[in-house]
Amino acid sequence: MILAILIFNALPEKRKELMQTLLSMFEENGKEKGCLRYNILTDIYETTVFNLIEEWNTREDLNRYLRSERFSIILGTKSLLAVPMKIKIHSVSQTEGIDAVFNLRSQ
């Protein structure tokens, strides 16, 4: 699994425009081949900061998306930002759920 985390820090006067752009992509992006999940989060203290969290099946799926016209829309948001967008890509080899917590706590 691949996690891509994109961090946007909007200009205060462009916050709504950035939010609308990200939301307009929300439904469509989930239909991208290999996209398992797509979430938009905002910071409760810094309301101009948005985190876009995408979960991809493979790195190849993410790479195809990064080369796509749809991702060009995200790159086009740079005029709405106070600082350049940041992106972090993580390769995840294993995930665990609540059972892991319960197992540890019962030992």
PDB file of N, CA and C in Angstrom:
ATOM      1  N   MET A   1       0.849  -1.167   0.000  1.00  0.00           N
ATOM      2  CA  MET A   1       0.000   0.000   0.000  1.00  0.00           C
ATOM      3  C   MET A   1       0.897   1.234   0.000  1.00  0.00           C
ATOM      4  N   ILE A   2       0.447   2.259  -0.693  1.00  0.00           N
ATOM      5  CA  ILE A   2       1.168   3.523  -0.793  1.00  0.00           C
ATOM      6  C   ILE A   2       0.272   4.629  -0.260  1.00  0.00           C
ATOM      7  N   LEU A   3       0.808   5.459   0.641  1.00  0.00           N
ATOM      8  CA  LEU A   3       0.091   6.621   1.144  1.00  0.00           C
ATOM      9  C   LEU A   3       0.746   7.870   0.577  1.00  0.00           C
ATOM     10  N   ALA A   4      -0.061   8.729   0.000  1.00  0.00           N
ATOM     11  CA  ALA A   4       0.413  10.031  -0.463  1.00  0.00           C
ATOM     12  C   ALA A   4      -0.298  11.083   0.378  1.00  0.00           C
ATOM     13  N   ILE A   5       0.485  11.928   1.011  1.00  0.00           N
ATOM     14  CA  ILE A   5      -0.059  12.992   1.852  1.00  0.00           C
ATOM     15  C   ILE A   5       0.372  14.315   1.243  1.00  0.00           C
ATOM     16  N   LEU A   6      -0.611  15.109   0.819  1.00  0.00           N
ATOM     17  CA  LEU A   6      -0.351  16.405   0.229  1.00  0.00           C
ATOM     18  C   LEU A   6      -0.822  17.464   1.209  1.00  0.00           C
ATOM     19  N   ILE A   7       0.020  18.448   1.471  1.00  0.00           N
ATOM     20  CA  ILE A   7      -0.293  19.483   2.443  1.00  0.00           C
ATOM     21  C   ILE A   7      -0.371  20.826   1.728  1.00  0.00           C
ATOM     22  N   PHE A   8      -1.513  21.481   1.881  1.00  0.00           N
ATOM     23  CA  PHE A   8      -1.777  22.772   1.247  1.00  0.00           C
ATOM     24  C   PHE A   8      -1.963  23.826   2.329  1.00  0.00           C
ATOM     25  N   ASN A   9      -1.298  24.951   2.184  1.00  0.00           N
ATOM     26  CA  ASN A   9      -1.480  26.075   3.090  1.00  0.00           C
ATOM     27  C   ASN A   9      -2.010  27.231   2.244  1.00  0.00           C
ATOM     28  N   ALA A  10      -3.321  27.408   2.275  1.00  0.00           N
ATOM     29  CA  ALA A  10      -3.984  28.380   1.410  1.00  0.00           C
ATOM     30  C   ALA A  10      -3.766  29.808   1.879  1.00  0.00           C
ATOM     31  N   LEU A  11      -3.734  30.714   0.926  1.00  0.00           N
ATOM     32  CA  LEU A  11      -3.837  32.131   1.266  1.00  0.00           C
ATOM     33  C   LEU A  11      -5.194  32.315   1.928  1.00  0.00           C
ATOM     34  N   PRO A  12      -5.299  33.112   2.990  1.00  0.00           N
ATOM     35  CA  PRO A  12      -6.590  33.252   3.683  1.00  0.00           C
ATOM     36  C   PRO A  12      -7.746  33.616   2.752  1.00  0.00           C
ATOM     37  N   GLU A  13      -7.503  34.507   1.817  1.00  0.00           N
ATOM     38  CA  GLU A  13      -8.573  34.930   0.914  1.00  0.00           C
ATOM     39  C   GLU A  13      -8.875  33.905  -0.179  1.00  0.00           C
ATOM     40  N   LYS A  14      -8.060  32.844  -0.284  1.00  0.00           N
ATOM     41  CA  LYS A  14      -8.247  31.800  -1.302  1.00  0.00           C
ATOM     42  C   LYS A  14      -8.659  30.470  -0.679  1.00  0.00           C
ATOM     43  N   ARG A  15      -8.889  30.457   0.635  1.00  0.00           N
ATOM     44  CA  ARG A  15      -9.232  29.223   1.340  1.00  0.00           C
ATOM     45  C   ARG A  15     -10.446  28.534   0.722  1.00  0.00           C
ATOM     46  N   LYS A  16     -11.509  29.270   0.531  1.00  0.00           N
ATOM     47  CA  LYS A  16     -12.746  28.687   0.003  1.00  0.00           C
ATOM     48  C   LYS A  16     -12.532  28.137  -1.405  1.00  0.00           C
ATOM     49  N   GLU A  17     -11.803  28.856  -2.225  1.00  0.00           N
ATOM     50  CA  GLU A  17     -11.548  28.409  -3.595  1.00  0.00           C
ATOM     51  C   GLU A  17     -10.736  27.111  -3.610  1.00  0.00           C
ATOM     52  N   LEU A  18      -9.722  27.022  -2.744  1.00  0.00           N
ATOM     53  CA  LEU A  18      -8.933  25.791  -2.656  1.00  0.00           C
ATOM     54  C   LEU A  18      -9.799  24.640  -2.175  1.00  0.00           C
ATOM     55  N   MET A  19     -10.598  24.894  -1.150  1.00  0.00           N
ATOM     56  CA  MET A  19     -11.467  23.845  -0.614  1.00  0.00           C
ATOM     57  C   MET A  19     -12.432  23.344  -1.695  1.00  0.00           C
ATOM     58  N   GLN A  20     -13.020  24.254  -2.465  1.00  0.00           N
ATOM     59  CA  GLN A  20     -13.949  23.848  -3.525  1.00  0.00           C
ATOM     60  C   GLN A  20     -13.234  23.036  -4.604  1.00  0.00           C
ATOM     61  N   THR A  21     -12.015  23.416  -4.931  1.00  0.00           N
ATOM     62  CA  THR A  21     -11.247  22.673  -5.935  1.00  0.00           C
ATOM     63  C   THR A  21     -10.973  21.253  -5.452  1.00  0.00           C
ATOM     64  N   LEU A  22     -10.529  21.121  -4.213  1.00  0.00           N
ATOM     65  CA  LEU A  22     -10.237  19.787  -3.674  1.00  0.00           C
ATOM     66  C   LEU A  22     -11.505  18.949  -3.571  1.00  0.00           C
ATOM     67  N   LEU A  23     -12.597  19.553  -3.107  1.00  0.00           N
ATOM     68  CA  LEU A  23     -13.853  18.806  -2.981  1.00  0.00           C
ATOM     69  C   LEU A  23     -14.395  18.379  -4.338  1.00  0.00           C
ATOM     70  N   SER A  24     -14.202  19.204  -5.359  1.00  0.00           N
ATOM     71  CA  SER A  24     -14.712  18.856  -6.697  1.00  0.00           C
ATOM     72  C   SER A  24     -14.021  17.606  -7.237  1.00  0.00           C
ATOM     73  N   MET A  25     -12.831  17.336  -6.764  1.00  0.00           N
ATOM     74  CA  MET A  25     -12.095  16.160  -7.209  1.00  0.00           C
ATOM     75  C   MET A  25     -12.400  14.937  -6.359  1.00  0.00           C
ATOM     76  N   PHE A  26     -12.999  15.122  -5.207  1.00  0.00           N
ATOM     77  CA  PHE A  26     -13.164  14.053  -4.229  1.00  0.00           C
ATOM     78  C   PHE A  26     -13.854  12.828  -4.807  1.00  0.00           C
ATOM     79  N   GLU A  27     -15.034  12.984  -5.359  1.00  0.00           N
ATOM     80  CA  GLU A  27     -15.762  11.829  -5.886  1.00  0.00           C
ATOM     81  C   GLU A  27     -15.057  11.212  -7.067  1.00  0.00           C
ATOM     82  N   GLU A  28     -14.579  12.049  -7.973  1.00  0.00           N
ATOM     83  CA  GLU A  28     -13.945  11.537  -9.179  1.00  0.00           C
ATOM     84  C   GLU A  28     -12.661  10.781  -8.878  1.00  0.00           C
ATOM     85  N   ASN A  29     -11.871  11.255  -7.913  1.00  0.00           N
ATOM     86  CA  ASN A  29     -10.575  10.639  -7.658  1.00  0.00           C
ATOM     87  C   ASN A  29     -10.709   9.224  -7.139  1.00  0.00           C
ATOM     88  N   GLY A  30     -11.738   8.959  -6.366  1.00  0.00           N
ATOM     89  CA  GLY A  30     -11.954   7.613  -5.872  1.00  0.00           C
ATOM     90  C   GLY A  30     -12.153   6.615  -6.987  1.00  0.00           C
ATOM     91  N   LYS A  31     -12.456   7.092  -8.176  1.00  0.00           N
ATOM     92  CA  LYS A  31     -12.670   6.220  -9.326  1.00  0.00           C
ATOM     93  C   LYS A  31     -11.382   5.943 -10.099  1.00  0.00           C
ATOM     94  N   GLU A  32     -10.290   6.597  -9.696  1.00  0.00           N
ATOM     95  CA  GLU A  32      -9.004   6.342 -10.353  1.00  0.00           C
ATOM     96  C   GLU A  32      -8.599   4.897 -10.092  1.00  0.00           C
ATOM     97  N   LYS A  33      -8.088   4.238 -11.108  1.00  0.00           N
ATOM     98  CA  LYS A  33      -7.647   2.858 -10.946  1.00  0.00           C
ATOM     99  C   LYS A  33      -6.569   2.788  -9.871  1.00  0.00           C
ATOM    100  N   GLY A  34      -6.790   1.933  -8.890  1.00  0.00           N
ATOM    101  CA  GLY A  34      -5.822   1.733  -7.836  1.00  0.00           C
ATOM    102  C   GLY A  34      -5.970   2.640  -6.638  1.00  0.00           C
ATOM    103  N   CYS A  35      -6.875   3.623  -6.703  1.00  0.00           N
ATOM    104  CA  CYS A  35      -7.088   4.510  -5.557  1.00  0.00           C
ATOM    105  C   CYS A  35      -8.034   3.826  -4.576  1.00  0.00           C
ATOM    106  N   LEU A  36      -7.541   3.551  -3.382  1.00  0.00           N
ATOM    107  CA  LEU A  36      -8.328   2.852  -2.382  1.00  0.00           C
ATOM    108  C   LEU A  36      -9.097   3.811  -1.482  1.00  0.00           C
ATOM    109  N   ARG A  37      -8.518   4.992  -1.262  1.00  0.00           N
ATOM    110  CA  ARG A  37      -9.156   5.965  -0.377  1.00  0.00           C
ATOM    111  C   ARG A  37      -8.614   7.351  -0.676  1.00  0.00           C
ATOM    112  N   TYR A  38      -9.441   8.360  -0.421  1.00  0.00           N
ATOM    113  CA  TYR A  38      -9.089   9.748  -0.681  1.00  0.00           C
ATOM    114  C   TYR A  38      -9.800  10.586   0.366  1.00  0.00           C
ATOM    115  N   ASN A  39      -9.055  11.261   1.240  1.00  0.00           N
ATOM    116  CA  ASN A  39      -9.660  12.070   2.299  1.00  0.00           C
ATOM    117  C   ASN A  39      -9.077  13.473   2.302  1.00  0.00           C
ATOM    118  N   ILE A  40      -9.927  14.436   2.607  1.00  0.00           N
ATOM    119  CA  ILE A  40      -9.499  15.823   2.764  1.00  0.00           C
ATOM    120  C   ILE A  40      -9.749  16.204   4.216  1.00  0.00           C
ATOM    121  N   LEU A  41      -8.695  16.665   4.876  1.00  0.00           N
ATOM    122  CA  LEU A  41      -8.796  17.074   6.273  1.00  0.00           C
ATOM    123  C   LEU A  41      -8.339  18.517   6.392  1.00  0.00           C
ATOM    124  N   THR A  42      -8.932  19.237   7.330  1.00  0.00           N
ATOM    125  CA  THR A  42      -8.469  20.594   7.608  1.00  0.00           C
ATOM    126  C   THR A  42      -8.017  20.672   9.049  1.00  0.00           C
ATOM    127  N   ASP A  43      -7.060  21.505   9.292  1.00  0.00           N
ATOM    128  CA  ASP A  43      -6.523  21.701  10.640  1.00  0.00           C
ATOM    129  C   ASP A  43      -7.531  22.515  11.443  1.00  0.00           C
ATOM    130  N   ILE A  44      -7.842  22.086  12.663  1.00  0.00           N
ATOM    131  CA  ILE A  44      -8.855  22.798  13.443  1.00  0.00           C
ATOM    132  C   ILE A  44      -8.340  24.124  13.989  1.00  0.00           C
ATOM    133  N   TYR A  45      -7.027  24.288  14.056  1.00  0.00           N
ATOM    134  CA  TYR A  45      -6.453  25.542  14.538  1.00  0.00           C
ATOM    135  C   TYR A  45      -6.019  26.456  13.399  1.00  0.00           C
ATOM    136  N   GLU A  46      -5.502  25.861  12.352  1.00  0.00           N
ATOM    137  CA  GLU A  46      -5.055  26.614  11.171  1.00  0.00           C
ATOM    138  C   GLU A  46      -6.007  26.276  10.024  1.00  0.00           C
ATOM    139  N   THR A  47      -7.103  26.981   9.916  1.00  0.00           N
ATOM    140  CA  THR A  47      -8.162  26.611   8.972  1.00  0.00           C
ATOM    141  C   THR A  47      -7.774  26.827   7.508  1.00  0.00           C
ATOM    142  N   THR A  48      -6.605  27.387   7.267  1.00  0.00           N
ATOM    143  CA  THR A  48      -6.142  27.523   5.888  1.00  0.00           C
ATOM    144  C   THR A  48      -5.270  26.337   5.467  1.00  0.00           C
ATOM    145  N   VAL A  49      -5.041  25.394   6.393  1.00  0.00           N
ATOM    146  CA  VAL A  49      -4.205  24.227   6.086  1.00  0.00           C
ATOM    147  C   VAL A  49      -5.098  23.024   5.791  1.00  0.00           C
ATOM    148  N   PHE A  50      -4.864  22.410   4.645  1.00  0.00           N
ATOM    149  CA  PHE A  50      -5.606  21.223   4.223  1.00  0.00           C
ATOM    150  C   PHE A  50      -4.618  20.080   4.004  1.00  0.00           C
ATOM    151  N   ASN A  51      -5.024  18.890   4.398  1.00  0.00           N
ATOM    152  CA  ASN A  51      -4.253  17.677   4.144  1.00  0.00           C
ATOM    153  C   ASN A  51      -5.086  16.762   3.258  1.00  0.00           C
ATOM    154  N   LEU A  52      -4.515  16.391   2.170  1.00  0.00           N
ATOM    155  CA  LEU A  52      -5.143  15.459   1.244  1.00  0.00           C
ATOM    156  C   LEU A  52      -4.419  14.134   1.428  1.00  0.00           C
ATOM    157  N   ILE A  53      -5.153  13.111   1.868  1.00  0.00           N
ATOM    158  CA  ILE A  53      -4.552  11.808   2.138  1.00  0.00           C
ATOM    159  C   ILE A  53      -5.128  10.797   1.154  1.00  0.00           C
ATOM    160  N   GLU A  54      -4.243  10.227   0.366  1.00  0.00           N
ATOM    161  CA  GLU A  54      -4.648   9.258  -0.654  1.00  0.00           C
ATOM    162  C   GLU A  54      -3.982   7.919  -0.359  1.00  0.00           C
ATOM    163  N   GLU A  55      -4.752   6.869  -0.490  1.00  0.00           N
ATOM    164  CA  GLU A  55      -4.227   5.522  -0.311  1.00  0.00           C
ATOM    165  C   GLU A  55      -4.305   4.814  -1.656  1.00  0.00           C
ATOM    166  N   TRP A  56      -3.173   4.281  -2.101  1.00  0.00           N
ATOM    167  CA  TRP A  56      -3.072   3.639  -3.417  1.00  0.00           C
ATOM    168  C   TRP A  56      -2.671   2.179  -3.269  1.00  0.00           C
ATOM    169  N   ASN A  57      -3.165   1.370  -4.166  1.00  0.00           N
ATOM    170  CA  ASN A  57      -2.859  -0.054  -4.158  1.00  0.00           C
ATOM    171  C   ASN A  57      -1.378  -0.309  -4.437  1.00  0.00           C
ATOM    172  N   THR A  58      -0.837   0.343  -5.466  1.00  0.00           N
ATOM    173  CA  THR A  58       0.575   0.151  -5.833  1.00  0.00           C
ATOM    174  C   THR A  58       1.208   1.498  -6.180  1.00  0.00           C
ATOM    175  N   ARG A  59       2.519   1.515  -6.209  1.00  0.00           N
ATOM    176  CA  ARG A  59       3.244   2.726  -6.614  1.00  0.00           C
ATOM    177  C   ARG A  59       2.971   3.037  -8.083  1.00  0.00           C
ATOM    178  N   GLU A  60       2.792   2.017  -8.891  1.00  0.00           N
ATOM    179  CA  GLU A  60       2.487   2.228 -10.303  1.00  0.00           C
ATOM    180  C   GLU A  60       1.158   2.974 -10.469  1.00  0.00           C
ATOM    181  N   ASP A  61       0.160   2.616  -9.634  1.00  0.00           N
ATOM    182  CA  ASP A  61      -1.130   3.316  -9.678  1.00  0.00           C
ATOM    183  C   ASP A  61      -0.947   4.792  -9.328  1.00  0.00           C
ATOM    184  N   LEU A  62      -0.182   5.059  -8.277  1.00  0.00           N
ATOM    185  CA  LEU A  62       0.074   6.444  -7.890  1.00  0.00           C
ATOM    186  C   LEU A  62       0.832   7.181  -8.985  1.00  0.00           C
ATOM    187  N   ASN A  63       1.850   6.562  -9.562  1.00  0.00           N
ATOM    188  CA  ASN A  63       2.627   7.203 -10.623  1.00  0.00           C
ATOM    189  C   ASN A  63       1.752   7.578 -11.813  1.00  0.00           C
ATOM    190  N   ARG A  64       0.843   6.683 -12.194  1.00  0.00           N
ATOM    191  CA  ARG A  64      -0.058   6.967 -13.311  1.00  0.00           C
ATOM    192  C   ARG A  64      -0.902   8.207 -12.990  1.00  0.00           C
ATOM    193  N   TYR A  65      -1.386   8.275 -11.765  1.00  0.00           N
ATOM    194  CA  TYR A  65      -2.185   9.422 -11.335  1.00  0.00           C
ATOM    195  C   TYR A  65      -1.361  10.717 -11.334  1.00  0.00           C
ATOM    196  N   LEU A  66      -0.117  10.637 -10.847  1.00  0.00           N
ATOM    197  CA  LEU A  66       0.727  11.833 -10.796  1.00  0.00           C
ATOM    198  C   LEU A  66       1.024  12.391 -12.175  1.00  0.00           C
ATOM    199  N   ARG A  67       0.968  11.536 -13.206  1.00  0.00           N
ATOM    200  CA  ARG A  67       1.188  11.981 -14.584  1.00  0.00           C
ATOM    201  C   ARG A  67      -0.106  12.422 -15.272  1.00  0.00           C
ATOM    202  N   SER A  68      -1.241  12.266 -14.601  1.00  0.00           N
ATOM    203  CA  SER A  68      -2.545  12.486 -15.238  1.00  0.00           C
ATOM    204  C   SER A  68      -2.936  13.967 -15.333  1.00  0.00           C
ATOM    205  N   GLU A  69      -3.893  14.221 -16.196  1.00  0.00           N
ATOM    206  CA  GLU A  69      -4.474  15.564 -16.322  1.00  0.00           C
ATOM    207  C   GLU A  69      -5.171  15.959 -15.026  1.00  0.00           C
ATOM    208  N   ARG A  70      -5.782  15.014 -14.372  1.00  0.00           N
ATOM    209  CA  ARG A  70      -6.485  15.310 -13.121  1.00  0.00           C
ATOM    210  C   ARG A  70      -5.514  15.841 -12.069  1.00  0.00           C
ATOM    211  N   PHE A  71      -4.328  15.253 -11.970  1.00  0.00           N
ATOM    212  CA  PHE A  71      -3.353  15.751 -11.004  1.00  0.00           C
ATOM    213  C   PHE A  71      -2.851  17.134 -11.400  1.00  0.00           C
ATOM    214  N   SER A  72      -2.906  17.461 -12.670  1.00  0.00           N
ATOM    215  CA  SER A  72      -2.530  18.809 -13.118  1.00  0.00           C
ATOM    216  C   SER A  72      -3.400  19.869 -12.450  1.00  0.00           C
ATOM    217  N   ILE A  73      -4.645  19.518 -12.143  1.00  0.00           N
ATOM    218  CA  ILE A  73      -5.538  20.448 -11.440  1.00  0.00           C
ATOM    219  C   ILE A  73      -4.967  20.758 -10.060  1.00  0.00           C
ATOM    220  N   ILE A  74      -4.472  19.746  -9.375  1.00  0.00           N
ATOM    221  CA  ILE A  74      -3.873  19.956  -8.058  1.00  0.00           C
ATOM    222  C   ILE A  74      -2.635  20.835  -8.184  1.00  0.00           C
ATOM    223  N   LEU A  75      -1.792  20.567  -9.168  1.00  0.00           N
ATOM    224  CA  LEU A  75      -0.614  21.403  -9.369  1.00  0.00           C
ATOM    225  C   LEU A  75      -1.007  22.846  -9.695  1.00  0.00           C
ATOM    226  N   GLY A  76      -2.160  23.016 -10.318  1.00  0.00           N
ATOM    227  CA  GLY A  76      -2.645  24.352 -10.682  1.00  0.00           C
ATOM    228  C   GLY A  76      -3.134  25.179  -9.507  1.00  0.00           C
ATOM    229  N   THR A  77      -3.195  24.588  -8.322  1.00  0.00           N
ATOM    230  CA  THR A  77      -3.653  25.348  -7.154  1.00  0.00           C
ATOM    231  C   THR A  77      -2.552  26.231  -6.572  1.00  0.00           C
ATOM    232  N   LYS A  78      -1.367  26.227  -7.157  1.00  0.00           N
ATOM    233  CA  LYS A  78      -0.241  26.955  -6.553  1.00  0.00           C
ATOM    234  C   LYS A  78      -0.519  28.444  -6.378  1.00  0.00           C
ATOM    235  N   SER A  79      -1.365  29.016  -7.217  1.00  0.00           N
ATOM    236  CA  SER A  79      -1.684  30.447  -7.070  1.00  0.00           C
ATOM    237  C   SER A  79      -2.593  30.711  -5.868  1.00  0.00           C
ATOM    238  N   LEU A  80      -3.142  29.651  -5.274  1.00  0.00           N
ATOM    239  CA  LEU A  80      -4.032  29.783  -4.122  1.00  0.00           C
ATOM    240  C   LEU A  80      -3.288  29.584  -2.799  1.00  0.00           C
ATOM    241  N   LEU A  81      -1.994  29.270  -2.887  1.00  0.00           N
ATOM    242  CA  LEU A  81      -1.237  28.851  -1.704  1.00  0.00           C
ATOM    243  C   LEU A  81      -0.289  29.927  -1.186  1.00  0.00           C
ATOM    244  N   ALA A  82      -0.140  29.947   0.141  1.00  0.00           N
ATOM    245  CA  ALA A  82       0.797  30.865   0.792  1.00  0.00           C
ATOM    246  C   ALA A  82       2.227  30.343   0.678  1.00  0.00           C
ATOM    247  N   VAL A  83       2.381  29.031   0.667  1.00  0.00           N
ATOM    248  CA  VAL A  83       3.684  28.373   0.490  1.00  0.00           C
ATOM    249  C   VAL A  83       3.474  27.204  -0.466  1.00  0.00           C
ATOM    250  N   PRO A  84       4.530  26.752  -1.125  1.00  0.00           N
ATOM    251  CA  PRO A  84       4.358  25.630  -2.059  1.00  0.00           C
ATOM    252  C   PRO A  84       3.783  24.389  -1.363  1.00  0.00           C
ATOM    253  N   MET A  85       2.989  23.642  -2.123  1.00  0.00           N
ATOM    254  CA  MET A  85       2.416  22.390  -1.639  1.00  0.00           C
ATOM    255  C   MET A  85       3.546  21.440  -1.237  1.00  0.00           C
ATOM    256  N   LYS A  86       3.306  20.678  -0.183  1.00  0.00           N
ATOM    257  CA  LYS A  86       4.252  19.646   0.244  1.00  0.00           C
ATOM    258  C   LYS A  86       3.621  18.293  -0.042  1.00  0.00           C
ATOM    259  N   ILE A  87       4.447  17.332  -0.408  1.00  0.00           N
ATOM    260  CA  ILE A  87       3.940  15.983  -0.633  1.00  0.00           C
ATOM    261  C   ILE A  87       4.878  14.988   0.036  1.00  0.00           C
ATOM    262  N   LYS A  88       4.277  14.017   0.699  1.00  0.00           N
ATOM    263  CA  LYS A  88       5.019  12.927   1.325  1.00  0.00           C
ATOM    264  C   LYS A  88       4.425  11.627   0.810  1.00  0.00           C
ATOM    265  N   ILE A  89       5.277  10.733   0.346  1.00  0.00           N
ATOM    266  CA  ILE A  89       4.830   9.440  -0.164  1.00  0.00           C
ATOM    267  C   ILE A  89       5.444   8.356   0.715  1.00  0.00           C
ATOM    268  N   HIS A  90       4.567   7.521   1.285  1.00  0.00           N
ATOM    269  CA  HIS A  90       5.009   6.463   2.198  1.00  0.00           C
ATOM    270  C   HIS A  90       4.633   5.101   1.618  1.00  0.00           C
ATOM    271  N   SER A  91       5.563   4.169   1.662  1.00  0.00           N
ATOM    272  CA  SER A  91       5.286   2.783   1.319  1.00  0.00           C
ATOM    273  C   SER A  91       4.999   2.046   2.623  1.00  0.00           C
ATOM    274  N   VAL A  92       3.850   1.398   2.701  1.00  0.00           N
ATOM    275  CA  VAL A  92       3.436   0.718   3.920  1.00  0.00           C
ATOM    276  C   VAL A  92       3.430  -0.785   3.639  1.00  0.00           C
ATOM    277  N   SER A  93       4.206  -1.513   4.423  1.00  0.00           N
ATOM    278  CA  SER A  93       4.291  -2.953   4.176  1.00  0.00           C
ATOM    279  C   SER A  93       3.321  -3.751   5.034  1.00  0.00           C
ATOM    280  N   GLN A  94       2.833  -3.161   6.121  1.00  0.00           N
ATOM    281  CA  GLN A  94       1.937  -3.899   7.012  1.00  0.00           C
ATOM    282  C   GLN A  94       1.045  -2.915   7.754  1.00  0.00           C
ATOM    283  N   THR A  95      -0.197  -3.300   7.970  1.00  0.00           N
ATOM    284  CA  THR A  95      -1.095  -2.507   8.801  1.00  0.00           C
ATOM    285  C   THR A  95      -1.732  -3.434   9.831  1.00  0.00           C
ATOM    286  N   GLU A  96      -2.068  -2.872  10.982  1.00  0.00           N
ATOM    287  CA  GLU A  96      -2.714  -3.635  12.038  1.00  0.00           C
ATOM    288  C   GLU A  96      -3.896  -2.845  12.555  1.00  0.00           C
ATOM    289  N   GLY A  97      -4.818  -3.533  13.171  1.00  0.00           N
ATOM    290  CA  GLY A  97      -6.013  -2.903  13.699  1.00  0.00           C
ATOM    291  C   GLY A  97      -6.060  -2.923  15.211  1.00  0.00           C
ATOM    292  N   ILE A  98      -7.246  -2.733  15.739  1.00  0.00           N
ATOM    293  CA  ILE A  98      -7.460  -2.664  17.178  1.00  0.00           C
ATOM    294  C   ILE A  98      -7.080  -3.969  17.881  1.00  0.00           C
ATOM    295  N   ASP A  99      -7.161  -5.081  17.155  1.00  0.00           N
ATOM    296  CA  ASP A  99      -6.767  -6.360  17.759  1.00  0.00           C
ATOM    297  C   ASP A  99      -5.319  -6.333  18.245  1.00  0.00           C
ATOM    298  N   ALA A 100      -4.451  -5.635  17.519  1.00  0.00           N
ATOM    299  CA  ALA A 100      -3.049  -5.536  17.935  1.00  0.00           C
ATOM    300  C   ALA A 100      -2.942  -4.824  19.288  1.00  0.00           C
ATOM    301  N   VAL A 101      -3.772  -3.807  19.498  1.00  0.00           N
ATOM    302  CA  VAL A 101      -3.774  -3.085  20.773  1.00  0.00           C
ATOM    303  C   VAL A 101      -4.254  -3.993  21.894  1.00  0.00           C
ATOM    304  N   PHE A 102      -5.366  -4.674  21.642  1.00  0.00           N
ATOM    305  CA  PHE A 102      -5.920  -5.574  22.674  1.00  0.00           C
ATOM    306  C   PHE A 102      -4.942  -6.697  23.006  1.00  0.00           C
ATOM    307  N   ASN A 103      -4.281  -7.248  21.999  1.00  0.00           N
ATOM    308  CA  ASN A 103      -3.306  -8.314  22.242  1.00  0.00           C
ATOM    309  C   ASN A 103      -2.160  -7.823  23.102  1.00  0.00           C
ATOM    310  N   LEU A 104      -1.651  -6.644  22.824  1.00  0.00           N
ATOM    311  CA  LEU A 104      -0.565  -6.084  23.625  1.00  0.00           C
ATOM    312  C   LEU A 104      -0.991  -5.793  25.046  1.00  0.00           C
ATOM    313  N   ARG A 105      -2.190  -5.263  25.207  1.00  0.00           N
ATOM    314  CA  ARG A 105      -2.661  -4.893  26.535  1.00  0.00           C
ATOM    315  C   ARG A 105      -3.001  -6.113  27.391  1.00  0.00           C
ATOM    316  N   SER A 106      -3.263  -7.242  26.757  1.00  0.00           N
ATOM    317  CA  SER A 106      -3.617  -8.453  27.532  1.00  0.00           C
ATOM    318  C   SER A 106      -2.382  -9.222  27.973  1.00  0.00           C
ATOM    319  N   GLN A 107      -1.220  -8.820  27.523  1.00  0.00           N
ATOM    320  CA  GLN A 107       0.020  -9.543  27.886  1.00  0.00           C
ATOM    321  C   GLN A 107       0.501  -9.135  29.261  1.00  0.00           C
TER     322      GLN A 107
END
